[in-house]
C-alpha atoms as a PDB file:
ATOM      1  CA  MET A   1      18.900  23.675   7.492  1.00  0.00           C
ATOM      2  CA  LYS A   2      19.047  23.185   3.695  1.00  0.00           C
ATOM      3  CA  LYS A   3      20.247  19.778   4.106  1.00  0.00           C
ATOM      4  CA  LEU A   4      17.482  18.772   6.314  1.00  0.00           C
ATOM      5  CA  LEU A   5      14.860  20.095   3.692  1.00  0.00           C
ATOM      6  CA  LEU A   6      16.714  18.335   1.026  1.00  0.00           C
ATOM      7  CA  LEU A   7      16.556  15.069   3.086  1.00  0.00           C
ATOM      8  CA  LEU A   8      12.821  15.388   3.777  1.00  0.00           C
ATOM      9  CA  PHE A   9      12.287  16.024   0.062  1.00  0.00           C
ATOM     10  CA  LEU A  10      14.126  12.906  -0.816  1.00  0.00           C
ATOM     11  CA  ILE A  11      12.240  10.761   1.653  1.00  0.00           C
ATOM     12  CA  THR A  12       8.988  11.961   0.571  1.00  0.00           C
ATOM     13  CA  ASN A  13       9.892  11.189  -3.034  1.00  0.00           C
ATOM     14  CA  LEU A  14      11.016   7.713  -2.282  1.00  0.00           C
ATOM     15  CA  ALA A  15       8.049   7.018  -0.235  1.00  0.00           C
ATOM     16  CA  MET A  16       5.459   8.354  -2.806  1.00  0.00           C
ATOM     17  CA  GLY A  17       7.309   6.951  -5.553  1.00  0.00           C
ATOM     18  CA  ARG A  18       5.953   6.263  -9.080  1.00  0.00           C
ATOM     19  CA  GLU A  19       4.420   2.913  -9.989  1.00  0.00           C
ATOM     20  CA  ILE A  20       3.745   1.524 -13.440  1.00  0.00           C
ATOM     21  CA  PHE A  21       0.784  -0.433 -14.331  1.00  0.00           C
ATOM     22  CA  ILE A  22       0.133  -2.388 -17.544  1.00  0.00           C
ATOM     23  CA  ASN A  23      -3.435  -3.353 -17.904  1.00  0.00           C
ATOM     24  CA  ASP A  24      -4.930  -6.237 -20.059  1.00  0.00           C
ATOM     25  CA  GLN A  25      -5.116  -4.126 -23.198  1.00  0.00           C
ATOM     26  CA  GLY A  26      -1.393  -3.249 -22.844  1.00  0.00           C
ATOM     27  CA  LEU A  27      -1.928   0.247 -21.907  1.00  0.00           C
ATOM     28  CA  LYS A  28       1.018   1.505 -19.582  1.00  0.00           C
ATOM     29  CA  ILE A  29      -0.072   3.793 -16.842  1.00  0.00           C
ATOM     30  CA  GLU A  30       2.290   5.575 -14.551  1.00  0.00           C
ATOM     31  CA  TYR A  31       0.881   6.582 -11.174  1.00  0.00           C
ATOM     32  CA  SER A  32       1.744   7.841  -7.667  1.00  0.00           C
ATOM     33  CA  LYS A  33       1.618   5.149  -4.864  1.00  0.00           C
ATOM     34  CA  PRO A  34      -1.409   6.436  -2.923  1.00  0.00           C
ATOM     35  CA  SER A  35      -1.502   7.277   0.710  1.00  0.00           C
ATOM     36  CA  VAL A  36      -4.328   5.259   2.218  1.00  0.00           C
ATOM     37  CA  SER A  37      -5.740   4.876   5.800  1.00  0.00           C
ATOM     38  CA  CYS A  38      -5.013   1.006   5.784  1.00  0.00           C
ATOM     39  CA  PHE A  39      -2.528  -1.447   4.361  1.00  0.00           C
ATOM     40  CA  TYR A  40      -1.657  -0.942   0.635  1.00  0.00           C
ATOM     41  CA  ASP A  41      -2.451  -3.732  -1.649  1.00  0.00           C
ATOM     42  CA  LYS A  42      -1.051  -2.993  -5.055  1.00  0.00           C
ATOM     43  CA  GLU A  43      -3.014  -5.567  -6.991  1.00  0.00           C
ATOM     44  CA  ALA A  44      -6.268  -4.385  -5.451  1.00  0.00           C
ATOM     45  CA  TYR A  45      -5.268  -0.575  -6.136  1.00  0.00           C
ATOM     46  CA  GLU A  46      -4.372  -1.332  -9.826  1.00  0.00           C
ATOM     47  CA  GLY A  47      -7.826  -3.223 -10.263  1.00  0.00           C
ATOM     48  CA  TYR A  48      -9.661  -0.080  -9.153  1.00  0.00           C
ATOM     49  CA  LEU A  49      -7.207   1.974 -11.204  1.00  0.00           C
ATOM     50  CA  ASN A  50      -8.078  -0.123 -14.263  1.00  0.00           C
ATOM     51  CA  THR A  51     -11.899   0.650 -13.677  1.00  0.00           C
ATOM     52  CA  CYS A  52     -11.293   4.482 -13.462  1.00  0.00           C
ATOM     53  CA  LEU A  53      -9.221   4.997 -16.665  1.00  0.00           C
ATOM     54  CA  ILE A  54     -12.005   6.649 -18.651  1.00  0.00           C
ATOM     55  CA  LEU A  55     -12.090   9.321 -16.073  1.00  0.00           C
ATOM     56  CA  PRO A  56      -9.781  12.482 -16.150  1.00  0.00           C
ATOM     57  CA  ASN A  57      -8.657  12.123 -12.560  1.00  0.00           C
ATOM     58  CA  PHE A  58      -8.406   8.256 -12.432  1.00  0.00           C
ATOM     59  CA  GLU A  59      -5.850   8.145  -9.548  1.00  0.00           C
ATOM     60  CA  THR A  60      -8.278  10.149  -7.383  1.00  0.00           C
ATOM     61  CA  CYS A  61     -11.176   7.596  -8.404  1.00  0.00           C
ATOM     62  CA  ALA A  62      -9.018   4.669  -7.629  1.00  0.00           C
ATOM     63  CA  GLN A  63      -7.981   5.962  -4.207  1.00  0.00           C
ATOM     64  CA  THR A  64     -11.452   6.827  -3.201  1.00  0.00           C
ATOM     65  CA  LYS A  65     -12.794   3.230  -4.440  1.00  0.00           C
ATOM     66  CA  TYR A  66      -9.941   1.726  -2.469  1.00  0.00           C
ATOM     67  CA  GLU A  67     -10.775   3.419   0.712  1.00  0.00           C
ATOM     68  CA  MET A  68     -14.431   2.720   0.382  1.00  0.00           C
ATOM     69  CA  TYR A  69     -14.085  -1.070  -0.438  1.00  0.00           C
ATOM     70  CA  ILE A  70     -10.784  -2.121   1.094  1.00  0.00           C
ATOM     71  CA  CYS A  71     -10.256   0.076   4.041  1.00  0.00           C
ATOM     72  CA  GLY A  72     -14.030   0.443   4.746  1.00  0.00           C
ATOM     73  CA  ASP A  73     -14.294  -3.338   4.928  1.00  0.00           C
ATOM     74  CA  LYS A  74     -13.459  -4.488   8.534  1.00  0.00           C
ATOM     75  CA  ASN A  75     -12.857  -8.118   7.258  1.00  0.00           C
ATOM     76  CA  LYS A  76     -10.427  -7.215   4.756  1.00  0.00           C
ATOM     77  CA  VAL A  77      -8.377  -4.906   7.140  1.00  0.00           C
ATOM     78  CA  LYS A  78      -7.644  -7.604   9.652  1.00  0.00           C
END
């Protein structure tokens, strides 16, 4: 049972790994890969992340914008 729990923990950490983004000003941001309801486009997500940096919860802001504008747009999902 312990081995199964350890395996689940490792798989979750690998799937939800940390990403590093360096914006135009050279600011290095480490963030968790989001779980979104459609395909994950790293470049688009990092663009939203860059616009949310002034907020204290920038990862939540970026994920919300991504869901609204990428996952919500039927033309981009296809």
